[in-house]
Amino acid sequence: MQHRPFGRTGLKTSILGFGGFHLLEIPYSEAEFLLNTYLDAGGNYIETAASYGRGESERKIGRAVSSRRSEFVLVTKTGERDRVGCLESLDHSLDHLRTDHVDVLLMHGVGTKRDLDQILAPGGALEGAEYAKQQGRVRHIGISMHGQPDVLLAALHAYDFDAVMTTVNYYDRFNFPEIENALLPRAQRAGAAVILMKPLADGLLWRSAENAFRYAFSRPVSVVVSGINSRAMLADDLRFAERYEPLTREQADQLAMSAPELGTHVCRLCGQCLPCPVGIDIPEVFHLEGWYDRQMGNGRVDDTTEYALRERLKHWFGNQQLARDRYATLAIQADKCTHCGACTPRCPYGLEVEAKLAYADYKLAGRGIF
């Protein structure tokens, strides 16, 4: 399995990482088998969090593979925002993981400017992490969040984090383009490792898993973390990693054109629908719809299983109010559409642009009826 530099840390990580959240869904005996099989196959990155099952994920990992501690990079996360809470959380994590140190401690789910300010303030969690680093209980410090990356960009400007964990997949590429266009280049310039999570968009891309992993492995990241809870899933993920070949630009463009999950509803932000005669910035409206619900609500129920999955995932990142606030600042909103018919024929992806504008406005402006 290919290994890559983990930013400026001097560590090297396998391109496939083992995420610990889904260990909560299986018994210890199965978790033990999966973790050891992953290590035997050349994987060397195991990640969890203090909050996963109130330490259950950490306890399973510690019991299963602490005897092989020198063989892998161990990462956990703390959701605490102050120094005392961070250090107490770390104490529990080290005890659960049966180790005296973690290679990376991530500030977990830093989703708002308020969260970031609390972490960075005197007496904040970062101060606790730095103290633990001085003691040798933490080797490197990172930060994670989901969705729209403004807070992560601000974090990288405010502090030299060693690693940043973010959502990257070929579906959310068009909902949060700032991740690949701004955050990943910023992290590269800073020498921070990029930990890619959600390569299958929280499971939405399960029917296209090989394409999804190939896209993820082809990004400029150190490791692609997958939540694994079955032997079949582990076998598939290992196979994808072993036979990985980078996507060419043409292949990535073809994936954007033909991926069934993108279909004829997700805007690819190409701008070919413009200019709008009344001045609506159509791609920006759909960009904000991506923030709002990842463009998962499409006004259709063609397949009840697919519908239920999208309903479960669409507000996973909690960016609805952020999207509505930003939409409110647009000089010309989508309700100004005159239905002139100019935009829809221009879309190379077959989107019904006028209908989609009306539905996006319904979401973003909080209209009473669609």
Protein backbone atom coordinates (compact mmCIF):
# COMPACT_ATOMS: atom_id res chain seq x y z
CA MET A 1 0.00 0.00 0.00
CA GLN A 2 1.26 3.46 -0.86
CA HIS A 3 2.47 5.68 2.01
CA ARG A 4 2.67 9.47 1.95
CA PRO A 5 4.35 12.15 4.08
CA PHE A 6 2.10 13.34 6.88
CA GLY A 7 2.74 17.02 6.32
CA ARG A 8 5.87 18.40 7.93
CA THR A 9 5.72 16.01 10.90
CA GLY A 10 8.20 13.46 9.58
CA LEU A 11 5.57 10.72 9.84
CA LYS A 12 4.43 8.67 6.86
CA THR A 13 0.91 7.30 6.64
CA SER A 14 -0.74 4.70 4.45
CA ILE A 15 -3.16 6.22 1.98
CA LEU A 16 -6.01 4.24 3.58
CA GLY A 17 -6.71 5.11 7.19
CA PHE A 18 -8.95 3.21 9.60
CA GLY A 19 -11.67 5.38 11.17
CA GLY A 20 -12.92 4.23 14.56
CA PHE A 21 -16.47 5.58 14.76
CA HIS A 22 -18.13 2.55 13.16
CA LEU A 23 -16.44 0.19 15.62
CA LEU A 24 -19.36 1.15 17.86
CA GLU A 25 -21.65 -0.84 15.59
CA ILE A 26 -19.89 -4.21 15.94
CA PRO A 27 -18.74 -6.46 18.81
CA TYR A 28 -15.20 -6.34 20.12
CA SER A 29 -14.23 -9.65 18.53
CA GLU A 30 -15.02 -8.31 15.07
CA ALA A 31 -13.30 -4.98 15.75
CA GLU A 32 -10.19 -6.90 16.82
CA PHE A 33 -10.18 -8.90 13.60
CA LEU A 34 -10.66 -5.83 11.39
CA LEU A 35 -7.99 -3.71 13.08
CA ASN A 36 -5.37 -6.45 13.01
CA THR A 37 -6.18 -7.41 9.42
CA TYR A 38 -5.79 -3.76 8.42
CA LEU A 39 -2.36 -3.57 10.08
CA ASP A 40 -1.30 -6.89 8.56
CA ALA A 41 -2.17 -5.49 5.11
CA GLY A 42 0.19 -2.52 5.54
CA GLY A 43 -2.20 0.09 6.90
CA ASN A 44 -0.69 2.27 9.62
CA TYR A 45 -3.20 5.02 10.52
CA ILE A 46 -5.90 4.45 13.15
CA GLU A 47 -8.13 7.27 14.26
CA THR A 48 -10.86 7.64 16.85
CA ALA A 49 -12.30 10.22 19.25
CA ALA A 50 -13.04 10.54 22.94
CA SER A 51 -16.72 11.09 22.16
CA TYR A 52 -17.22 7.94 20.06
CA GLY A 53 -19.42 5.90 22.36
CA ARG A 54 -18.08 7.76 25.40
CA GLY A 55 -14.74 6.07 24.92
CA GLU A 56 -15.98 2.71 23.63
CA SER A 57 -14.20 3.06 20.29
CA GLU A 58 -10.96 3.96 22.06
CA ARG A 59 -11.32 1.02 24.45
CA LYS A 60 -11.82 -1.42 21.58
CA ILE A 61 -8.77 -0.07 19.76
CA GLY A 62 -6.63 -0.16 22.91
CA ARG A 63 -7.59 -3.70 23.74
CA ALA A 64 -7.20 -4.94 20.16
CA VAL A 65 -3.94 -3.40 18.96
CA SER A 66 -2.08 -1.65 21.79
CA SER A 67 0.43 -4.53 21.69
CA ARG A 68 1.29 -3.34 18.15
CA ARG A 69 1.54 0.32 19.11
CA SER A 70 4.83 0.92 17.29
CA GLU A 71 3.29 -0.17 13.97
CA PHE A 72 0.79 2.66 13.47
CA VAL A 73 0.06 6.34 13.76
CA LEU A 74 -2.58 6.78 16.47
CA VAL A 75 -4.95 9.74 16.36
CA THR A 76 -7.72 10.74 18.71
CA LYS A 77 -9.83 13.85 19.16
CA THR A 78 -11.08 16.01 21.98
CA GLY A 79 -14.27 18.02 21.85
CA GLU A 80 -13.30 20.03 24.92
CA ARG A 81 -12.72 23.74 24.44
CA ASP A 82 -10.69 24.65 27.55
CA ARG A 83 -7.32 23.59 28.91
CA VAL A 84 -8.61 21.61 31.89
CA GLY A 85 -11.21 19.74 29.86
CA CYS A 86 -8.71 18.97 27.11
CA LEU A 87 -6.19 17.48 29.54
CA GLU A 88 -8.83 15.46 31.37
CA SER A 89 -10.16 14.16 28.05
CA LEU A 90 -6.64 13.20 26.96
CA ASP A 91 -6.02 11.36 30.25
CA HIS A 92 -9.11 9.24 29.65
CA SER A 93 -8.17 8.65 26.01
CA LEU A 94 -4.67 7.44 26.83
CA ASP A 95 -6.09 5.13 29.45
CA HIS A 96 -8.67 3.74 27.03
CA LEU A 97 -6.10 3.34 24.25
CA ARG A 98 -3.58 1.67 26.59
CA THR A 99 -0.73 3.93 25.54
CA ASP A 100 1.36 6.75 26.94
CA HIS A 101 0.99 9.01 23.90
CA VAL A 102 -0.99 9.73 20.75
CA ASP A 103 0.74 10.78 17.58
CA VAL A 104 -1.91 13.39 16.78
CA LEU A 105 -4.53 15.05 18.95
CA LEU A 106 -7.24 16.77 16.92
CA MET A 107 -9.43 19.58 18.16
CA HIS A 108 -12.73 17.92 17.26
CA GLY A 109 -15.55 19.45 15.20
CA VAL A 110 -14.49 23.10 15.37
CA GLY A 111 -17.44 24.36 13.40
CA THR A 112 -17.84 28.00 14.43
CA LYS A 113 -15.69 31.06 14.98
CA ARG A 114 -16.78 30.95 18.61
CA ASP A 115 -15.42 27.40 18.96
CA LEU A 116 -12.13 28.47 17.40
CA ASP A 117 -11.82 31.53 19.62
CA GLN A 118 -12.40 29.40 22.72
CA ILE A 119 -9.72 26.93 21.69
CA LEU A 120 -7.16 29.62 20.89
CA ALA A 121 -7.85 31.82 23.93
CA PRO A 122 -5.66 31.81 27.06
CA GLY A 123 -6.77 28.78 29.06
CA GLY A 124 -8.19 27.20 25.93
CA ALA A 125 -7.90 23.61 24.69
CA LEU A 126 -4.90 24.44 22.52
CA GLU A 127 -2.99 25.50 25.60
CA GLY A 128 -3.75 22.12 27.15
CA ALA A 129 -2.65 20.28 24.00
CA GLU A 130 0.61 22.21 23.91
CA TYR A 131 1.27 21.33 27.55
CA ALA A 132 0.61 17.66 26.79
CA LYS A 133 2.97 17.93 23.83
CA GLN A 134 5.72 19.25 26.12
CA GLN A 135 5.16 16.20 28.33
CA GLY A 136 5.41 13.82 25.36
CA ARG A 137 1.80 12.63 25.64
CA VAL A 138 0.90 14.30 22.33
CA ARG A 139 3.31 14.53 19.42
CA HIS A 140 1.34 16.69 16.99
CA ILE A 141 -1.76 18.90 17.14
CA GLY A 142 -4.46 19.21 14.51
CA ILE A 143 -8.00 20.41 13.98
CA SER A 144 -11.14 19.02 12.31
CA MET A 145 -14.54 20.15 11.12
CA HIS A 146 -17.27 19.26 8.61
CA GLY A 147 -18.57 21.21 5.63
CA GLN A 148 -17.91 24.84 4.75
CA PRO A 149 -14.24 25.46 5.65
CA ASP A 150 -14.04 29.14 6.61
CA VAL A 151 -13.24 28.23 10.23
CA LEU A 152 -10.46 25.85 9.20
CA LEU A 153 -8.95 28.49 6.94
CA ALA A 154 -9.02 30.95 9.83
CA ALA A 155 -7.47 28.33 12.10
CA LEU A 156 -4.53 27.75 9.75
CA HIS A 157 -3.91 31.49 9.65
CA ALA A 158 -4.07 31.79 13.44
CA TYR A 159 -1.92 28.81 14.47
CA ASP A 160 0.57 26.36 12.96
CA PHE A 161 -1.58 23.25 13.22
CA ASP A 162 0.26 20.12 12.13
CA ALA A 163 -2.82 18.58 10.54
CA VAL A 164 -6.28 19.51 9.33
CA MET A 165 -9.14 17.06 8.85
CA THR A 166 -11.86 17.88 6.34
CA THR A 167 -14.56 16.44 4.10
CA VAL A 168 -13.50 15.66 0.53
CA ASN A 169 -15.40 13.54 -2.00
CA TYR A 170 -16.57 13.89 -5.58
CA TYR A 171 -20.11 14.72 -4.47
CA ASP A 172 -19.39 17.46 -1.92
CA ARG A 173 -16.76 18.87 -4.25
CA PHE A 174 -19.64 20.86 -5.74
CA ASN A 175 -21.25 21.80 -2.42
CA PHE A 176 -18.12 23.05 -0.67
CA PRO A 177 -15.71 23.96 -3.49
CA GLU A 178 -13.73 26.12 -1.08
CA ILE A 179 -12.28 22.94 0.47
CA GLU A 180 -10.38 21.91 -2.66
CA ASN A 181 -9.92 25.40 -4.08
CA ALA A 182 -8.72 27.18 -0.92
CA LEU A 183 -8.25 24.94 2.12
CA LEU A 184 -6.12 22.20 0.57
CA PRO A 185 -3.71 24.67 -1.09
CA ARG A 186 -3.48 26.65 2.15
CA ALA A 187 -2.66 23.50 4.12
CA GLN A 188 -0.01 22.51 1.57
CA ARG A 189 1.65 25.91 1.81
CA ALA A 190 1.67 25.65 5.59
CA GLY A 191 3.09 22.12 5.57
CA ALA A 192 0.04 20.80 7.41
CA ALA A 193 -1.06 17.24 6.73
CA VAL A 194 -4.54 16.89 5.24
CA ILE A 195 -6.68 14.08 6.62
CA LEU A 196 -9.50 13.34 4.19
CA MET A 197 -12.72 12.08 5.74
CA LYS A 198 -16.03 10.99 4.22
CA PRO A 199 -14.73 9.70 0.87
CA LEU A 200 -18.16 8.14 0.31
CA ALA A 201 -20.06 11.32 1.35
CA ASP A 202 -21.35 9.64 4.53
CA GLY A 203 -22.40 6.58 2.52
CA LEU A 204 -24.24 8.33 -0.32
CA LEU A 205 -21.66 7.05 -2.82
CA TRP A 206 -21.81 3.41 -1.68
CA ARG A 207 -22.83 2.18 -5.12
CA SER A 208 -19.78 3.89 -6.65
CA ALA A 209 -17.24 3.07 -3.94
CA GLU A 210 -14.28 2.32 -6.19
CA ASN A 211 -14.66 5.56 -8.15
CA ALA A 212 -15.15 7.46 -4.89
CA PHE A 213 -11.97 6.08 -3.33
CA ARG A 214 -10.00 6.63 -6.50
CA TYR A 215 -11.13 10.26 -6.52
CA ALA A 216 -10.23 10.64 -2.84
CA PHE A 217 -6.79 9.02 -3.16
CA SER A 218 -6.08 11.34 -6.11
CA ARG A 219 -6.45 14.49 -3.99
CA PRO A 220 -3.35 16.16 -2.47
CA VAL A 221 -3.90 14.60 0.97
CA SER A 222 -1.85 12.46 3.34
CA VAL A 223 -4.47 9.86 4.22
CA VAL A 224 -8.06 8.92 3.31
CA VAL A 225 -9.93 7.77 6.41
CA SER A 226 -12.70 5.22 6.02
CA GLY A 227 -15.10 4.04 8.70
CA ILE A 228 -15.01 0.24 8.53
CA ASN A 229 -17.46 -2.14 10.20
CA SER A 230 -17.39 -5.36 8.16
CA ARG A 231 -14.91 -7.78 6.63
CA ALA A 232 -16.33 -7.21 3.16
CA MET A 233 -15.93 -3.45 3.52
CA LEU A 234 -12.35 -3.80 4.72
CA ALA A 235 -11.51 -6.14 1.85
CA ASP A 236 -12.97 -3.68 -0.67
CA ASP A 237 -11.18 -0.67 0.83
CA LEU A 238 -7.85 -2.49 0.92
CA ARG A 239 -8.30 -3.57 -2.69
CA PHE A 240 -9.07 -0.01 -3.76
CA ALA A 241 -5.91 1.21 -2.01
CA GLU A 242 -3.69 -1.54 -3.40
CA ARG A 243 -4.68 -1.03 -7.03
CA TYR A 244 -5.06 2.74 -6.89
CA GLU A 245 -3.97 4.71 -9.94
CA PRO A 246 -4.38 8.50 -9.97
CA LEU A 247 -7.31 9.96 -11.86
CA THR A 248 -6.36 12.08 -14.84
CA ARG A 249 -8.01 15.47 -15.25
CA GLU A 250 -10.08 14.05 -18.10
CA GLN A 251 -11.24 11.12 -15.96
CA ALA A 252 -12.20 13.46 -13.12
CA ASP A 253 -14.21 15.59 -15.56
CA GLN A 254 -15.94 12.47 -16.89
CA LEU A 255 -16.81 11.43 -13.34
CA ALA A 256 -18.38 14.84 -12.77
CA MET A 257 -20.36 14.40 -15.96
CA SER A 258 -21.61 10.85 -15.45
CA ALA A 259 -21.70 10.09 -11.70
CA PRO A 260 -25.24 8.88 -10.93
CA GLU A 261 -25.31 10.57 -7.50
CA LEU A 262 -24.75 13.97 -9.12
CA GLY A 263 -27.32 13.24 -11.80
CA THR A 264 -29.44 16.05 -13.16
CA HIS A 265 -29.86 17.96 -9.90
CA VAL A 266 -26.40 18.78 -8.47
CA CYS A 267 -24.93 21.93 -10.03
CA ARG A 268 -21.30 21.47 -11.11
CA LEU A 269 -20.71 25.26 -10.91
CA CYS A 270 -19.46 25.46 -14.50
CA GLY A 271 -21.20 28.81 -15.14
CA GLN A 272 -22.45 27.93 -18.59
CA CYS A 273 -25.99 28.93 -17.55
CA LEU A 274 -24.86 32.57 -17.41
CA PRO A 275 -25.51 35.36 -18.14
CA CYS A 276 -28.96 35.57 -16.61
CA PRO A 277 -31.02 38.39 -18.22
CA VAL A 278 -32.16 39.66 -14.80
CA GLY A 279 -28.76 39.26 -13.15
CA ILE A 280 -29.26 36.20 -10.95
CA ASP A 281 -25.92 34.61 -10.09
CA ILE A 282 -27.25 31.12 -10.75
CA PRO A 283 -24.13 29.13 -9.75
CA GLU A 284 -23.88 31.07 -6.48
CA VAL A 285 -27.51 30.27 -5.62
CA PHE A 286 -26.80 26.58 -6.14
CA HIS A 287 -23.49 26.89 -4.27
CA LEU A 288 -25.43 28.14 -1.25
CA GLU A 289 -28.01 25.40 -1.73
CA GLY A 290 -25.05 23.04 -1.36
CA TRP A 291 -24.19 24.63 1.96
CA TYR A 292 -27.84 24.35 3.02
CA ASP A 293 -28.54 20.67 2.34
CA ARG A 294 -25.73 19.41 0.10
CA GLN A 295 -28.22 19.65 -2.80
CA MET A 296 -29.71 16.39 -1.55
CA GLY A 297 -33.29 17.61 -1.47
CA ASN A 298 -34.40 17.51 -5.10
CA GLY A 299 -38.19 17.55 -4.84
CA ARG A 300 -38.50 13.94 -6.05
CA VAL A 301 -39.11 10.59 -4.39
CA ASP A 302 -38.13 8.14 -7.12
CA ASP A 303 -36.69 5.52 -4.76
CA THR A 304 -37.72 5.39 -1.11
CA THR A 305 -34.41 3.91 0.09
CA GLU A 306 -32.41 6.60 -1.69
CA TYR A 307 -34.79 9.28 -0.43
CA ALA A 308 -34.44 8.09 3.17
CA LEU A 309 -30.63 8.11 2.90
CA ARG A 310 -30.57 11.64 1.51
CA GLU A 311 -32.99 12.87 4.17
CA ARG A 312 -30.70 11.44 6.84
CA LEU A 313 -27.56 13.03 5.40
CA LYS A 314 -28.64 16.36 3.98
CA HIS A 315 -28.25 18.44 7.16
CA TRP A 316 -25.33 16.41 8.56
CA PHE A 317 -23.03 19.45 8.64
CA GLY A 318 -25.47 21.93 10.17
CA ASN A 319 -24.78 24.77 7.73
CA GLN A 320 -28.42 25.75 7.11
CA GLN A 321 -28.38 29.10 8.90
CA LEU A 322 -25.00 30.02 7.44
CA ALA A 323 -26.40 29.38 3.97
CA ARG A 324 -29.56 31.41 4.62
CA ASP A 325 -27.58 34.30 6.05
CA ARG A 326 -25.31 34.39 3.01
CA TYR A 327 -28.27 34.09 0.63
CA ALA A 328 -29.91 37.08 2.31
CA THR A 329 -26.96 39.21 1.21
CA LEU A 330 -27.42 38.47 -2.50
CA ALA A 331 -28.52 41.58 -4.37
CA ILE A 332 -30.73 39.53 -6.69
CA GLN A 333 -32.28 36.36 -5.31
CA ALA A 334 -33.72 33.46 -7.26
CA ASP A 335 -37.33 34.58 -6.82
CA LYS A 336 -36.62 37.27 -9.41
CA CYS A 337 -36.48 34.59 -12.13
CA THR A 338 -38.81 35.54 -15.02
CA HIS A 339 -38.81 32.02 -16.49
CA CYS A 340 -37.44 33.29 -19.76
CA GLY A 341 -36.02 29.85 -20.53
CA ALA A 342 -32.51 31.00 -21.43
CA CYS A 343 -30.57 29.05 -18.78
CA THR A 344 -31.86 25.49 -18.89
CA PRO A 345 -30.80 24.65 -22.48
CA ARG A 346 -27.25 25.83 -21.71
CA CYS A 347 -26.66 23.34 -18.86
CA PRO A 348 -24.37 20.55 -20.09
CA TYR A 349 -25.50 18.32 -17.21
CA GLY A 350 -29.21 18.40 -18.01
CA LEU A 351 -30.36 20.36 -14.95
CA GLU A 352 -33.83 21.89 -15.05
CA VAL A 353 -32.31 25.17 -13.97
CA GLU A 354 -35.49 27.23 -13.58
CA ALA A 355 -37.20 24.61 -11.42
CA LYS A 356 -34.05 24.16 -9.36
CA LEU A 357 -33.80 27.91 -8.80
CA ALA A 358 -37.34 27.95 -7.42
CA TYR A 359 -36.61 25.03 -5.09
CA ALA A 360 -33.32 26.56 -3.92
CA ASP A 361 -35.08 29.83 -3.15
CA TYR A 362 -37.73 27.91 -1.18
CA LYS A 363 -34.98 26.42 0.99
CA LEU A 364 -32.72 29.44 1.36
CA ALA A 365 -35.34 32.13 1.82
CA GLY A 366 -37.55 30.00 4.05
CA ARG A 367 -40.60 30.27 1.82
CA GLY A 368 -43.81 28.83 3.20
CA ILE A 369 -44.64 26.60 0.27
CA PHE A 370 -42.97 25.13 -2.81
